[in-house]
Protein backbone atom coordinates (compact mmCIF):
# COMPACT_ATOMS: atom_id res chain seq x y z
CA MET A 1 10.71 -17.80 -2.73
CA GLY A 2 14.54 -17.62 -2.18
CA SER A 3 16.80 -20.05 -1.14
CA GLU A 4 16.36 -22.90 1.14
CA VAL A 5 19.20 -22.19 3.42
CA TYR A 6 18.00 -21.99 7.00
CA PRO A 7 20.21 -20.57 9.84
CA VAL A 8 21.70 -23.19 12.32
CA CYS A 9 20.29 -22.86 15.75
CA LEU A 10 21.53 -24.17 19.13
CA PRO A 11 18.87 -26.63 20.54
CA TRP A 12 18.00 -24.14 23.24
CA GLU A 13 17.38 -21.51 20.76
CA GLU A 14 15.04 -23.68 18.90
CA GLU A 15 11.79 -22.44 20.74
CA SER A 16 13.15 -18.92 21.35
CA THR A 17 10.79 -16.16 20.39
CA MET A 18 13.47 -13.80 19.69
CA TYR A 19 15.59 -16.27 17.60
CA LEU A 20 12.45 -16.82 15.41
CA ILE A 21 11.83 -13.06 14.88
CA LYS A 22 15.58 -12.72 14.01
CA TRP A 23 15.12 -15.61 11.51
CA ILE A 24 12.01 -14.32 9.83
CA PHE A 25 13.58 -10.69 9.59
CA THR A 26 16.89 -12.12 8.28
CA THR A 27 15.02 -14.25 5.65
CA VAL A 28 12.77 -11.37 4.50
CA ARG A 29 15.66 -8.89 4.33
CA ARG A 30 17.70 -11.37 2.10
CA GLU A 31 14.71 -11.77 -0.23
CA ILE A 32 14.47 -8.13 -0.50
CA GLU A 33 18.09 -7.44 -1.03
CA THR A 34 18.08 -10.14 -3.64
CA ALA A 35 15.06 -8.70 -5.49
CA LEU A 36 16.59 -5.06 -5.30
CA ARG A 37 20.20 -5.85 -6.37
CA PRO A 38 19.24 -5.86 -10.20
CA LEU A 39 17.76 -2.40 -9.58
CA GLY A 40 21.41 -1.26 -8.32
CA LEU A 41 19.55 -0.72 -4.94
CA THR A 42 20.43 -1.68 -1.44
CA SER A 43 17.93 -2.28 1.25
CA PRO A 44 18.87 0.82 3.13
CA GLN A 45 18.79 2.82 0.05
CA SER A 46 15.26 1.71 -0.75
CA GLN A 47 14.26 2.63 2.94
CA THR A 48 15.72 6.06 2.45
CA LEU A 49 14.02 6.55 -0.77
CA TYR A 50 10.76 5.52 0.67
CA ILE A 51 11.27 7.98 3.68
CA LEU A 52 12.05 10.88 1.21
CA ALA A 53 8.94 9.92 -0.98
CA MET A 54 6.85 10.01 2.19
CA SER A 55 8.50 12.99 3.96
CA PRO A 56 10.25 15.33 1.34
CA GLY A 57 12.92 17.63 2.82
CA VAL A 58 13.88 15.52 5.95
CA THR A 59 17.33 16.08 7.35
CA ASN A 60 20.18 13.63 8.24
CA THR A 61 19.17 13.66 11.89
CA GLU A 62 15.69 12.81 11.10
CA LEU A 63 16.83 9.99 9.01
CA GLU A 64 19.06 8.64 11.68
CA LYS A 65 15.96 8.44 13.99
CA LEU A 66 13.79 6.99 11.19
CA LEU A 67 16.33 4.24 9.82
CA LEU A 68 17.72 3.56 13.30
CA ILE A 69 21.33 3.91 12.23
CA ASP A 70 24.06 6.11 13.30
CA LYS A 71 25.20 9.65 11.84
CA SER A 72 28.01 8.25 9.91
CA SER A 73 26.01 5.48 8.26
CA VAL A 74 23.38 8.25 7.23
CA THR A 75 26.09 10.40 5.90
CA SER A 76 27.36 7.56 3.65
CA LEU A 77 23.80 6.49 2.74
CA VAL A 78 22.87 10.05 1.60
CA ASN A 79 26.15 10.57 -0.13
CA GLY A 80 25.57 7.28 -2.05
CA ILE A 81 21.90 8.27 -3.21
CA VAL A 82 22.94 11.84 -4.05
CA LYS A 83 25.81 10.50 -6.21
CA LYS A 84 23.60 8.27 -8.06
CA ASN A 85 21.35 11.22 -8.82
CA TRP A 86 18.34 9.85 -6.94
CA ALA A 87 18.34 12.78 -4.35
CA VAL A 88 19.52 16.18 -3.80
CA ARG A 89 20.36 18.33 -0.86
CA GLN A 90 19.00 21.87 -0.27
CA SER A 91 19.70 24.40 2.59
CA HIS A 92 17.14 24.46 5.18
CA PRO A 93 15.32 27.86 4.99
CA GLU A 94 15.77 28.48 8.72
CA ASP A 95 19.27 27.11 9.20
CA ALA A 96 21.68 27.08 6.17
CA ARG A 97 24.05 24.70 8.22
CA MET A 98 21.33 21.95 7.75
CA LYS A 99 20.58 20.29 4.67
CA GLN A 100 17.19 18.95 3.56
CA ILE A 101 16.91 15.91 1.45
CA TYR A 102 14.50 15.72 -1.48
CA LEU A 103 14.00 12.94 -4.30
CA THR A 104 14.90 13.71 -7.83
CA GLU A 105 12.66 12.48 -10.53
CA GLU A 106 14.94 9.62 -11.15
CA GLY A 107 14.93 8.79 -7.41
CA LEU A 108 11.05 9.02 -7.34
CA GLU A 109 10.89 6.53 -10.37
CA ILE A 110 13.54 4.01 -8.72
CA HIS A 111 11.56 4.41 -5.52
CA LYS A 112 8.07 3.37 -7.25
CA VAL A 113 9.80 0.32 -8.78
CA ALA A 114 11.44 -0.79 -5.63
CA GLU A 115 8.14 -0.32 -3.90
CA ARG A 116 6.21 -2.61 -6.09
CA THR A 117 9.00 -5.08 -5.63
CA ILE A 118 9.07 -5.07 -1.97
CA GLU A 119 5.21 -5.11 -1.78
CA GLN A 120 5.30 -8.39 -3.85
CA ILE A 121 7.78 -9.85 -1.33
CA LYS A 122 5.73 -8.82 1.72
CA SER A 123 2.61 -10.15 0.00
CA TYR A 124 3.87 -13.73 0.58
CA VAL A 125 3.37 -13.09 4.20
CA GLY A 126 -0.33 -12.19 3.67
CA LYS A 127 -0.63 -15.84 1.63
CA THR A 128 0.71 -17.34 4.96
CA LEU A 129 -1.25 -15.55 7.69
CA SER A 130 -4.92 -14.72 7.65
CA VAL A 131 -5.80 -11.17 8.13
CA GLY A 132 -6.86 -11.93 11.85
CA GLU A 133 -3.45 -13.76 12.39
CA SER A 134 -1.59 -10.88 10.93
CA GLU A 135 -3.51 -8.35 13.21
CA ALA A 136 -2.77 -10.56 16.29
CA LEU A 137 0.92 -11.00 15.45
CA ARG A 138 1.58 -7.30 15.08
CA GLY A 139 -0.44 -6.81 18.32
CA LEU A 140 1.78 -9.13 20.18
CA LEU A 141 4.92 -7.83 18.52
CA LYS A 142 3.90 -4.28 19.54
CA LYS A 143 3.20 -5.53 23.01
CA ILE A 144 6.85 -6.91 23.34
CA LEU A 145 8.27 -3.76 21.74
CA HIS A 146 6.44 -1.40 24.07
CA ASP A 147 8.88 -2.63 26.95
CA TYR A 148 11.92 -1.50 24.93
CA ARG A 149 10.83 1.64 23.49
CA PRO A 150 10.30 5.13 24.98
CA ALA A 151 6.46 5.96 25.39
CA ASN A 152 6.68 8.51 22.51
CA ALA A 153 8.10 6.02 19.88
CA CYS A 154 6.00 5.44 16.86
CA VAL A 155 4.87 1.77 17.53
């Protein structure tokens, strides 16, 4: 996979769990961005299309929470995918001021291609870790995250 460029770390960061998590995240994110670029798609756009495929009709406010980004970033992101004809906004049936966002057929197709592409990249982790190791790692990461998230969060 990808480049052989590794981030430079300070000697005291070498054994830092948080540094390793960041390094892995950055490496995988770069691989995904590189793979999505030929599709004319960014990683945040792909994440948004995924959410819209799984939860048609979400609002900007819901996207803010699900994508962990601020209101202005969501607005820009949604404007971009609407401009590319991957999604449409429709008035909310209970509050016309709110807009619900739905994938178009074109958006659904690009989402499917992106999802297959991302799954291929994620499968490399499956080749590195056994099922038991993956489960143990997820369990440990959830344990760490539990201390940083509200009790009603989805992890």
